[in-house]
Amino acid sequence: MENSCSSCSSASTCSGSCPSVQEKTEAQKASNIKNVIAVMSGKGGVGKSSVTGMLAVSLMKQGNKVGILDADITGPSIPKIFGVTDKASANEIGILPAVSSKGIKIISLNLLVPNEDDPVVWRGPVISQLVKQFWTDVVWGDLDYLLIDLPPGTGDVPISMFQSIPVDGVVIVSSPQQLANMVVRKAIKMANMYEAQFYGLIENMAYVECPDCNKRIEIFGKPSGETQAEYNEIPFLGELPIDPKLAELSDNGEIEEYYSEKFDHITAQLIKREKSQA
C-alpha cells in the first residue's frame, strides 16, 4: 500500500502508524465498524465511563450493534458496570471481545488479567501499544458504533488513538466545576490538533434532584455546559443529573437496566450530528 503521509494533516506529529497506510490485520478484515466515537474529557472524575456505558446502552436499544473499547488501561471500569466477568478469548484470527447480557461487545484489560483489582504498572508506550492492539487484533465483527472510553489527560493513549484509529467523531464530557472546564478545554484543543470532528459536549453531574421535593440542587455549581460548548465552537448535546439509581445499577453490573429519557434525547442529538457530518 502506498504511503501517503506527506498529504496527512497530522504529518508533523505522526508516528508513522496512520491507519490509512497500514496493511489490515486478519482481525480487521473480519471486522466491519461503521462509526468510531471517542469519549474523552481530559479530566478525571466527571463520569466519562458512565456516559460511555449509557451511550452504548442507548444506541443498542435503538437497534444498533455496539462495542466498547476500554482504553482506560490503568483504571478500567467498563466490565464492572456491565457485569462482564468472562475473560476475553482468542482464535486463529485474533482476540474475541466479551459480550454483555444485552449483546454489547467489550474489550478491556480487566478481561485479560487474572483478577479485576490487579494493578497495571506499565509505562506509557506499553499502554499505548495495547490500545493499538485493541483496534488491530480484536475481532469486532459487524458494528454500527464502536465507543472508545479514553483515560483522563492528553498523553500517550489519546495521542496513539488519534494517530492509529480512524475516529469519526469525539464526544466531550464535562461537569459544572470551573476546574473541570479548564482541563476539558485542554482535551478539546488536543482533539483540534488532529482535526477531529466533534459530535458534541455532554455536561454530566449538572444537578441532583431532591427525592422528597423534586427540587433541583446544583451541588457542583451552576451548569455552564452550553456556554462552554459555544465558547469552544462545538455542539451542546445536553446535561445529565447525578442519579443514585445509576450508581446502584453500575455497582451491581446492571447499567443495561438503566433508563433515562434525558440520555435518549442526548443520543438522538448525537446521531443527528453524526449523520450530518457523514
C-alpha atoms as a PDB file:
ATOM      1  CA  MET A   1       0.000   0.000   0.000  1.00  0.00           C
ATOM      2  CA  GLU A   2       1.390   3.380  -0.971  1.00  0.00           C
ATOM      3  CA  ASN A   3       2.329   5.604   1.959  1.00  0.00           C
ATOM      4  CA  SER A   4       0.541   8.963   1.820  1.00  0.00           C
ATOM      5  CA  CYS A   5       1.915  10.535   4.989  1.00  0.00           C
ATOM      6  CA  SER A   6       3.082  13.642   3.152  1.00  0.00           C
ATOM      7  CA  SER A   7      -0.527  14.634   2.498  1.00  0.00           C
ATOM      8  CA  CYS A   8      -1.744  13.870   6.018  1.00  0.00           C
ATOM      9  CA  SER A   9      -2.894  16.793   8.174  1.00  0.00           C
ATOM     10  CA  SER A  10      -1.140  15.236  11.176  1.00  0.00           C
ATOM     11  CA  ALA A  11       2.158  14.577   9.423  1.00  0.00           C
ATOM     12  CA  SER A  12       4.111  16.787  11.818  1.00  0.00           C
ATOM     13  CA  THR A  13       3.023  14.763  14.859  1.00  0.00           C
ATOM     14  CA  CYS A  14       2.517  11.353  13.255  1.00  0.00           C
ATOM     15  CA  SER A  15       4.401   8.303  14.444  1.00  0.00           C
ATOM     16  CA  GLY A  16       4.119   6.634  11.057  1.00  0.00           C
ATOM     17  CA  SER A  17       1.273   4.391  12.176  1.00  0.00           C
ATOM     18  CA  CYS A  18      -1.541   6.168  10.360  1.00  0.00           C
ATOM     19  CA  PRO A  19      -4.402   3.686   9.835  1.00  0.00           C
ATOM     20  CA  SER A  20      -4.798   4.821   6.229  1.00  0.00           C
ATOM     21  CA  VAL A  21      -1.365   3.497   5.259  1.00  0.00           C
ATOM     22  CA  GLN A  22      -1.190   0.249   7.266  1.00  0.00           C
ATOM     23  CA  GLU A  23      -1.978  -3.199   5.948  1.00  0.00           C
ATOM     24  CA  LYS A  24      -5.067  -4.624   7.662  1.00  0.00           C
ATOM     25  CA  THR A  25      -4.676  -7.498  10.092  1.00  0.00           C
ATOM     26  CA  GLU A  26      -6.820 -10.625   9.826  1.00  0.00           C
ATOM     27  CA  ALA A  27      -8.896  -9.361  12.760  1.00  0.00           C
ATOM     28  CA  GLN A  28      -9.556  -6.075  10.976  1.00  0.00           C
ATOM     29  CA  LYS A  29     -10.520  -7.895   7.791  1.00  0.00           C
ATOM     30  CA  ALA A  30     -13.077  -9.810   9.855  1.00  0.00           C
ATOM     31  CA  SER A  31     -14.494  -6.592  11.322  1.00  0.00           C
ATOM     32  CA  ASN A  32     -16.812  -4.004   9.827  1.00  0.00           C
ATOM     33  CA  ILE A  33     -17.126  -0.938  12.046  1.00  0.00           C
ATOM     34  CA  LYS A  34     -19.268   1.834  10.620  1.00  0.00           C
ATOM     35  CA  ASN A  35     -18.615   4.585  13.163  1.00  0.00           C
ATOM     36  CA  VAL A  36     -15.912   5.101  15.785  1.00  0.00           C
ATOM     37  CA  ILE A  37     -16.672   7.558  18.595  1.00  0.00           C
ATOM     38  CA  ALA A  38     -14.057   8.653  21.145  1.00  0.00           C
ATOM     39  CA  VAL A  39     -15.429   9.695  24.538  1.00  0.00           C
ATOM     40  CA  MET A  40     -12.953  11.966  26.280  1.00  0.00           C
ATOM     41  CA  SER A  41     -12.776  14.662  28.913  1.00  0.00           C
ATOM     42  CA  GLY A  42      -9.160  15.266  29.842  1.00  0.00           C
ATOM     43  CA  LYS A  43     -10.424  15.493  33.436  1.00  0.00           C
ATOM     44  CA  GLY A  44     -10.862  12.510  35.714  1.00  0.00           C
ATOM     45  CA  GLY A  45     -13.914  12.104  37.915  1.00  0.00           C
ATOM     46  CA  VAL A  46     -16.529  13.548  35.561  1.00  0.00           C
ATOM     47  CA  GLY A  47     -18.260  10.215  34.935  1.00  0.00           C
ATOM     48  CA  LYS A  48     -16.865   9.597  31.476  1.00  0.00           C
ATOM     49  CA  SER A  49     -17.076   5.804  31.710  1.00  0.00           C
ATOM     50  CA  SER A  50     -20.681   6.037  32.929  1.00  0.00           C
ATOM     51  CA  VAL A  51     -21.517   8.290  29.990  1.00  0.00           C
ATOM     52  CA  THR A  52     -19.796   5.841  27.631  1.00  0.00           C
ATOM     53  CA  GLY A  53     -21.816   2.995  29.117  1.00  0.00           C
ATOM     54  CA  MET A  54     -25.122   4.851  28.941  1.00  0.00           C
ATOM     55  CA  LEU A  55     -24.410   5.940  25.378  1.00  0.00           C
ATOM     56  CA  ALA A  56     -23.695   2.343  24.383  1.00  0.00           C
ATOM     57  CA  VAL A  57     -26.912   1.134  26.025  1.00  0.00           C
ATOM     58  CA  SER A  58     -28.997   3.866  24.409  1.00  0.00           C
ATOM     59  CA  LEU A  59     -27.541   3.141  20.961  1.00  0.00           C
ATOM     60  CA  MET A  60     -28.117  -0.578  21.470  1.00  0.00           C
ATOM     61  CA  LYS A  61     -31.746  -0.059  22.464  1.00  0.00           C
ATOM     62  CA  GLN A  62     -32.270   1.789  19.176  1.00  0.00           C
ATOM     63  CA  GLY A  63     -31.320  -1.350  17.288  1.00  0.00           C
ATOM     64  CA  ASN A  64     -27.624  -0.674  16.715  1.00  0.00           C
ATOM     65  CA  LYS A  65     -24.784  -3.152  17.093  1.00  0.00           C
ATOM     66  CA  VAL A  66     -22.416  -1.585  19.620  1.00  0.00           C
ATOM     67  CA  GLY A  67     -18.973  -2.242  21.031  1.00  0.00           C
ATOM     68  CA  ILE A  68     -16.828  -0.550  23.677  1.00  0.00           C
ATOM     69  CA  LEU A  69     -13.041  -0.326  23.596  1.00  0.00           C
ATOM     70  CA  ASP A  70     -11.973   0.429  27.159  1.00  0.00           C
ATOM     71  CA  ALA A  71      -8.798   2.460  26.605  1.00  0.00           C
ATOM     72  CA  ASP A  72      -8.502   3.477  30.246  1.00  0.00           C
ATOM     73  CA  ILE A  73      -5.867   0.807  30.808  1.00  0.00           C
ATOM     74  CA  THR A  74      -4.823   1.681  34.360  1.00  0.00           C
ATOM     75  CA  GLY A  75      -8.369   2.418  35.563  1.00  0.00           C
ATOM     76  CA  PRO A  76     -10.725   0.209  33.558  1.00  0.00           C
ATOM     77  CA  SER A  77     -14.313   0.199  34.787  1.00  0.00           C
ATOM     78  CA  ILE A  78     -16.398  -0.765  31.760  1.00  0.00           C
ATOM     79  CA  PRO A  79     -16.515  -4.541  32.502  1.00  0.00           C
ATOM     80  CA  LYS A  80     -17.585  -3.828  36.097  1.00  0.00           C
ATOM     81  CA  ILE A  81     -20.544  -1.599  35.250  1.00  0.00           C
ATOM     82  CA  PHE A  82     -21.744  -4.085  32.612  1.00  0.00           C
ATOM     83  CA  GLY A  83     -21.343  -7.071  34.934  1.00  0.00           C
ATOM     84  CA  VAL A  84     -18.982  -8.775  32.488  1.00  0.00           C
ATOM     85  CA  THR A  85     -16.804 -11.329  34.266  1.00  0.00           C
ATOM     86  CA  ASP A  86     -15.990 -13.767  31.455  1.00  0.00           C
ATOM     87  CA  LYS A  87     -12.476 -13.268  30.150  1.00  0.00           C
ATOM     88  CA  ALA A  88     -11.781 -12.343  26.556  1.00  0.00           C
ATOM     89  CA  SER A  89     -10.827 -15.330  24.419  1.00  0.00           C
ATOM     90  CA  ALA A  90      -8.997 -15.745  21.124  1.00  0.00           C
ATOM     91  CA  ASN A  91      -8.999 -17.791  17.940  1.00  0.00           C
ATOM     92  CA  GLU A  92      -6.644 -18.087  14.979  1.00  0.00           C
ATOM     93  CA  ILE A  93      -7.734 -14.666  13.699  1.00  0.00           C
ATOM     94  CA  GLY A  94      -7.484 -12.545  16.830  1.00  0.00           C
ATOM     95  CA  ILE A  95      -8.884 -11.619  20.230  1.00  0.00           C
ATOM     96  CA  LEU A  96     -12.598 -12.162  20.776  1.00  0.00           C
ATOM     97  CA  PRO A  97     -14.290  -9.498  22.923  1.00  0.00           C
ATOM     98  CA  ALA A  98     -16.550 -10.390  25.801  1.00  0.00           C
ATOM     99  CA  VAL A  99     -20.266  -9.787  25.298  1.00  0.00           C
ATOM    100  CA  SER A 100     -22.642  -8.195  27.795  1.00  0.00           C
ATOM    101  CA  SER A 101     -26.025  -9.632  28.697  1.00  0.00           C
ATOM    102  CA  LYS A 102     -27.705  -7.405  26.100  1.00  0.00           C
ATOM    103  CA  GLY A 103     -25.166  -8.019  23.348  1.00  0.00           C
ATOM    104  CA  ILE A 104     -22.681  -5.140  23.665  1.00  0.00           C
ATOM    105  CA  LYS A 105     -19.154  -6.259  22.766  1.00  0.00           C
ATOM    106  CA  ILE A 106     -16.459  -5.180  25.233  1.00  0.00           C
ATOM    107  CA  ILE A 107     -12.676  -5.334  25.298  1.00  0.00           C
ATOM    108  CA  SER A 108     -10.752  -4.158  28.344  1.00  0.00           C
ATOM    109  CA  LEU A 109      -7.507  -5.014  30.082  1.00  0.00           C
ATOM    110  CA  ASN A 110      -9.592  -6.222  33.027  1.00  0.00           C
ATOM    111  CA  LEU A 111     -10.824  -9.010  30.749  1.00  0.00           C
ATOM    112  CA  LEU A 112      -7.255 -10.160  30.200  1.00  0.00           C
ATOM    113  CA  VAL A 113      -5.787 -10.106  33.734  1.00  0.00           C
ATOM    114  CA  PRO A 114      -6.447 -12.829  36.349  1.00  0.00           C
ATOM    115  CA  ASN A 115      -8.139 -10.526  38.880  1.00  0.00           C
ATOM    116  CA  GLU A 116     -10.065  -7.316  38.266  1.00  0.00           C
ATOM    117  CA  ASP A 117      -8.166  -5.476  41.003  1.00  0.00           C
ATOM    118  CA  ASP A 118      -4.686  -6.441  39.771  1.00  0.00           C
ATOM    119  CA  PRO A 119      -2.734  -3.188  39.230  1.00  0.00           C
ATOM    120  CA  VAL A 120      -1.206  -2.339  35.868  1.00  0.00           C
ATOM    121  CA  VAL A 121       2.266  -0.955  36.496  1.00  0.00           C
ATOM    122  CA  TRP A 122       3.219  -0.165  32.920  1.00  0.00           C
ATOM    123  CA  ARG A 123       4.898   2.771  31.237  1.00  0.00           C
ATOM    124  CA  GLY A 124       3.093   4.877  28.659  1.00  0.00           C
ATOM    125  CA  PRO A 125       4.482   3.277  25.471  1.00  0.00           C
ATOM    126  CA  VAL A 126       3.396  -0.206  26.591  1.00  0.00           C
ATOM    127  CA  ILE A 127      -0.087   1.056  27.434  1.00  0.00           C
ATOM    128  CA  SER A 128      -0.331   2.824  24.076  1.00  0.00           C
ATOM    129  CA  GLN A 129       0.680  -0.335  22.239  1.00  0.00           C
ATOM    130  CA  LEU A 130      -2.072  -2.309  23.962  1.00  0.00           C
ATOM    131  CA  VAL A 131      -4.680   0.263  22.920  1.00  0.00           C
ATOM    132  CA  LYS A 132      -3.482  -0.084  19.313  1.00  0.00           C
ATOM    133  CA  GLN A 133      -3.797  -3.858  19.603  1.00  0.00           C
ATOM    134  CA  PHE A 134      -7.350  -3.493  20.862  1.00  0.00           C
ATOM    135  CA  TRP A 135      -8.020  -1.920  17.459  1.00  0.00           C
ATOM    136  CA  THR A 136      -5.875  -4.122  15.221  1.00  0.00           C
ATOM    137  CA  ASP A 137      -6.110  -7.519  16.924  1.00  0.00           C
ATOM    138  CA  VAL A 138      -9.706  -7.692  18.196  1.00  0.00           C
ATOM    139  CA  VAL A 139     -12.334  -9.372  16.031  1.00  0.00           C
ATOM    140  CA  TRP A 140     -15.179  -6.895  16.414  1.00  0.00           C
ATOM    141  CA  GLY A 141     -17.345  -8.297  13.630  1.00  0.00           C
ATOM    142  CA  ASP A 142     -20.147  -6.039  12.376  1.00  0.00           C
ATOM    143  CA  LEU A 143     -20.665  -2.919  14.492  1.00  0.00           C
ATOM    144  CA  ASP A 144     -22.683   0.211  13.875  1.00  0.00           C
ATOM    145  CA  TYR A 145     -20.798   2.021  16.651  1.00  0.00           C
ATOM    146  CA  LEU A 146     -17.542   1.416  18.477  1.00  0.00           C
ATOM    147  CA  LEU A 147     -17.139   3.673  21.511  1.00  0.00           C
ATOM    148  CA  ILE A 148     -13.652   4.334  22.881  1.00  0.00           C
ATOM    149  CA  ASP A 149     -13.570   5.165  26.590  1.00  0.00           C
ATOM    150  CA  LEU A 150     -10.411   7.257  26.953  1.00  0.00           C
ATOM    151  CA  PRO A 151      -8.447   7.855  30.167  1.00  0.00           C
ATOM    152  CA  PRO A 152      -8.006  11.348  31.637  1.00  0.00           C
ATOM    153  CA  GLY A 153      -5.248  13.553  30.280  1.00  0.00           C
ATOM    154  CA  THR A 154      -3.807  14.352  26.879  1.00  0.00           C
ATOM    155  CA  GLY A 155      -0.868  11.934  26.910  1.00  0.00           C
ATOM    156  CA  ASP A 156       0.153   8.668  25.302  1.00  0.00           C
ATOM    157  CA  VAL A 157      -3.201   6.939  24.929  1.00  0.00           C
ATOM    158  CA  PRO A 158      -5.179   9.789  23.277  1.00  0.00           C
ATOM    159  CA  ILE A 159      -2.191  10.541  21.041  1.00  0.00           C
ATOM    160  CA  SER A 160      -1.944   6.900  19.969  1.00  0.00           C
ATOM    161  CA  MET A 161      -5.676   6.749  19.381  1.00  0.00           C
ATOM    162  CA  PHE A 162      -5.762   9.781  17.092  1.00  0.00           C
ATOM    163  CA  GLN A 163      -2.713   8.522  15.210  1.00  0.00           C
ATOM    164  CA  SER A 164      -3.729   4.874  14.908  1.00  0.00           C
ATOM    165  CA  ILE A 165      -7.527   4.659  14.892  1.00  0.00           C
ATOM    166  CA  PRO A 166      -9.833   6.296  12.308  1.00  0.00           C
ATOM    167  CA  VAL A 167     -12.031   8.211  14.750  1.00  0.00           C
ATOM    168  CA  ASP A 168     -15.185   9.560  13.130  1.00  0.00           C
ATOM    169  CA  GLY A 169     -16.177  11.875  15.965  1.00  0.00           C
ATOM    170  CA  VAL A 170     -15.460  12.934  19.535  1.00  0.00           C
ATOM    171  CA  VAL A 171     -17.858  13.325  22.460  1.00  0.00           C
ATOM    172  CA  ILE A 172     -16.576  15.593  25.235  1.00  0.00           C
ATOM    173  CA  VAL A 173     -17.721  15.003  28.824  1.00  0.00           C
ATOM    174  CA  SER A 174     -17.538  17.854  31.328  1.00  0.00           C
ATOM    175  CA  SER A 175     -19.057  18.887  34.662  1.00  0.00           C
ATOM    176  CA  PRO A 176     -20.098  22.267  36.097  1.00  0.00           C
ATOM    177  CA  GLN A 177     -16.883  22.840  38.077  1.00  0.00           C
ATOM    178  CA  GLN A 178     -14.675  25.543  36.629  1.00  0.00           C
ATOM    179  CA  LEU A 179     -11.610  23.370  37.286  1.00  0.00           C
ATOM    180  CA  ALA A 180     -13.131  20.623  35.151  1.00  0.00           C
ATOM    181  CA  ASN A 181     -13.939  23.095  32.389  1.00  0.00           C
ATOM    182  CA  MET A 182     -10.346  24.313  32.296  1.00  0.00           C
ATOM    183  CA  VAL A 183      -8.960  20.779  31.940  1.00  0.00           C
ATOM    184  CA  VAL A 184     -11.638  19.800  29.421  1.00  0.00           C
ATOM    185  CA  ARG A 185     -10.610  22.721  27.217  1.00  0.00           C
ATOM    186  CA  LYS A 186      -7.155  21.142  27.048  1.00  0.00           C
ATOM    187  CA  ALA A 187      -8.683  17.943  25.668  1.00  0.00           C
ATOM    188  CA  ILE A 188     -10.702  19.928  23.128  1.00  0.00           C
ATOM    189  CA  LYS A 189      -7.587  21.758  21.953  1.00  0.00           C
ATOM    190  CA  MET A 190      -5.745  18.446  21.649  1.00  0.00           C
ATOM    191  CA  ALA A 191      -8.523  16.972  19.509  1.00  0.00           C
ATOM    192  CA  ASN A 192      -8.408  20.105  17.360  1.00  0.00           C
ATOM    193  CA  MET A 193      -4.700  19.465  16.746  1.00  0.00           C
ATOM    194  CA  TYR A 194      -5.752  16.254  14.991  1.00  0.00           C
ATOM    195  CA  GLU A 195      -8.603  17.993  13.178  1.00  0.00           C
ATOM    196  CA  ALA A 196     -11.161  15.786  14.930  1.00  0.00           C
ATOM    197  CA  GLN A 197     -14.859  16.168  14.290  1.00  0.00           C
ATOM    198  CA  PHE A 198     -16.872  16.945  17.422  1.00  0.00           C
ATOM    199  CA  TYR A 199     -20.258  15.309  17.850  1.00  0.00           C
ATOM    200  CA  GLY A 200     -20.779  17.457  20.913  1.00  0.00           C
ATOM    201  CA  LEU A 201     -20.318  18.145  24.623  1.00  0.00           C
ATOM    202  CA  ILE A 202     -22.245  16.487  27.452  1.00  0.00           C
ATOM    203  CA  GLU A 203     -22.352  18.162  30.860  1.00  0.00           C
ATOM    204  CA  ASN A 204     -22.529  15.402  33.450  1.00  0.00           C
ATOM    205  CA  MET A 205     -23.361  15.801  37.165  1.00  0.00           C
ATOM    206  CA  ALA A 206     -25.165  19.048  36.374  1.00  0.00           C
ATOM    207  CA  TYR A 207     -27.523  18.715  39.338  1.00  0.00           C
ATOM    208  CA  VAL A 208     -29.212  16.272  41.683  1.00  0.00           C
ATOM    209  CA  GLU A 209     -32.964  16.095  42.180  1.00  0.00           C
ATOM    210  CA  CYS A 210     -34.253  16.011  45.745  1.00  0.00           C
ATOM    211  CA  PRO A 211     -36.248  12.773  46.185  1.00  0.00           C
ATOM    212  CA  ASP A 212     -38.698  14.478  48.578  1.00  0.00           C
ATOM    213  CA  CYS A 213     -39.500  17.807  46.914  1.00  0.00           C
ATOM    214  CA  ASN A 214     -38.046  17.307  43.402  1.00  0.00           C
ATOM    215  CA  LYS A 215     -36.045  20.491  43.828  1.00  0.00           C
ATOM    216  CA  ARG A 216     -33.030  20.787  41.553  1.00  0.00           C
ATOM    217  CA  ILE A 217     -29.814  21.134  43.604  1.00  0.00           C
ATOM    218  CA  GLU A 218     -26.689  22.264  41.753  1.00  0.00           C
ATOM    219  CA  ILE A 219     -24.062  20.859  44.099  1.00  0.00           C
ATOM    220  CA  PHE A 220     -21.085  21.447  41.779  1.00  0.00           C
ATOM    221  CA  GLY A 221     -22.058  24.991  40.862  1.00  0.00           C
ATOM    222  CA  LYS A 222     -24.197  26.487  38.157  1.00  0.00           C
ATOM    223  CA  PRO A 223     -24.140  24.357  34.996  1.00  0.00           C
ATOM    224  CA  SER A 224     -22.290  26.014  32.132  1.00  0.00           C
ATOM    225  CA  GLY A 225     -22.105  23.241  29.535  1.00  0.00           C
ATOM    226  CA  GLU A 226     -23.974  25.134  26.857  1.00  0.00           C
ATOM    227  CA  THR A 227     -21.758  28.178  27.398  1.00  0.00           C
ATOM    228  CA  GLN A 228     -18.614  26.031  27.307  1.00  0.00           C
ATOM    229  CA  ALA A 229     -19.731  24.325  24.116  1.00  0.00           C
ATOM    230  CA  GLU A 230     -20.421  27.653  22.476  1.00  0.00           C
ATOM    231  CA  TYR A 231     -17.059  29.040  23.642  1.00  0.00           C
ATOM    232  CA  ASN A 232     -15.250  26.042  22.132  1.00  0.00           C
ATOM    233  CA  GLU A 233     -17.409  26.132  19.000  1.00  0.00           C
ATOM    234  CA  ILE A 234     -18.751  22.601  19.366  1.00  0.00           C
ATOM    235  CA  PRO A 235     -22.367  21.391  19.623  1.00  0.00           C
ATOM    236  CA  PHE A 236     -24.027  21.039  23.025  1.00  0.00           C
ATOM    237  CA  LEU A 237     -25.721  17.657  23.404  1.00  0.00           C
ATOM    238  CA  GLY A 238     -27.303  18.233  26.804  1.00  0.00           C
ATOM    239  CA  GLU A 239     -26.868  17.878  30.559  1.00  0.00           C
ATOM    240  CA  LEU A 240     -27.245  14.893  32.873  1.00  0.00           C
ATOM    241  CA  PRO A 241     -28.071  14.776  36.590  1.00  0.00           C
ATOM    242  CA  ILE A 242     -26.412  12.804  39.356  1.00  0.00           C
ATOM    243  CA  ASP A 243     -28.687   9.779  39.692  1.00  0.00           C
ATOM    244  CA  PRO A 244     -28.308   7.387  42.666  1.00  0.00           C
ATOM    245  CA  LYS A 245     -30.145   4.744  40.648  1.00  0.00           C
ATOM    246  CA  LEU A 246     -27.421   4.805  38.002  1.00  0.00           C
ATOM    247  CA  ALA A 247     -24.751   4.445  40.689  1.00  0.00           C
ATOM    248  CA  GLU A 248     -26.587   1.475  42.203  1.00  0.00           C
ATOM    249  CA  LEU A 249     -27.056  -0.316  38.894  1.00  0.00           C
ATOM    250  CA  SER A 250     -23.439   0.343  37.868  1.00  0.00           C
ATOM    251  CA  ASP A 251     -22.134  -1.068  41.156  1.00  0.00           C
ATOM    252  CA  ASN A 252     -24.262  -4.170  40.545  1.00  0.00           C
ATOM    253  CA  GLY A 253     -23.063  -4.530  36.957  1.00  0.00           C
ATOM    254  CA  GLU A 254     -26.527  -3.763  35.623  1.00  0.00           C
ATOM    255  CA  ILE A 255     -26.099  -0.497  33.732  1.00  0.00           C
ATOM    256  CA  GLU A 256     -28.031  -2.007  30.825  1.00  0.00           C
ATOM    257  CA  GLU A 257     -31.155  -1.884  33.022  1.00  0.00           C
ATOM    258  CA  TYR A 258     -30.874   1.900  33.432  1.00  0.00           C
ATOM    259  CA  TYR A 259     -33.287   4.110  31.540  1.00  0.00           C
ATOM    260  CA  SER A 260     -33.012   7.850  31.090  1.00  0.00           C
ATOM    261  CA  GLU A 261     -35.250   9.864  28.803  1.00  0.00           C
ATOM    262  CA  LYS A 262     -32.672  12.669  29.007  1.00  0.00           C
ATOM    263  CA  PHE A 263     -29.947  10.378  27.736  1.00  0.00           C
ATOM    264  CA  ASP A 264     -32.111   9.070  24.905  1.00  0.00           C
ATOM    265  CA  HIS A 265     -32.544  12.699  23.863  1.00  0.00           C
ATOM    266  CA  ILE A 266     -28.771  13.215  24.004  1.00  0.00           C
ATOM    267  CA  THR A 267     -28.221  10.080  21.918  1.00  0.00           C
ATOM    268  CA  ALA A 268     -30.707  11.311  19.335  1.00  0.00           C
ATOM    269  CA  GLN A 269     -28.801  14.598  19.117  1.00  0.00           C
ATOM    270  CA  LEU A 270     -25.517  12.715  18.726  1.00  0.00           C
ATOM    271  CA  ILE A 271     -26.856  10.532  15.910  1.00  0.00           C
ATOM    272  CA  LYS A 272     -28.182  13.633  14.188  1.00  0.00           C
ATOM    273  CA  ARG A 273     -24.734  15.252  14.379  1.00  0.00           C
ATOM    274  CA  GLU A 274     -23.050  12.051  13.192  1.00  0.00           C
ATOM    275  CA  LYS A 275     -25.294  11.770  10.154  1.00  0.00           C
ATOM    276  CA  SER A 276     -24.874  15.449   9.277  1.00  0.00           C
ATOM    277  CA  GLN A 277     -21.079  15.048   9.270  1.00  0.00           C
ATOM    278  CA  ALA A 278     -21.059  11.739   7.379  1.00  0.00           C
END
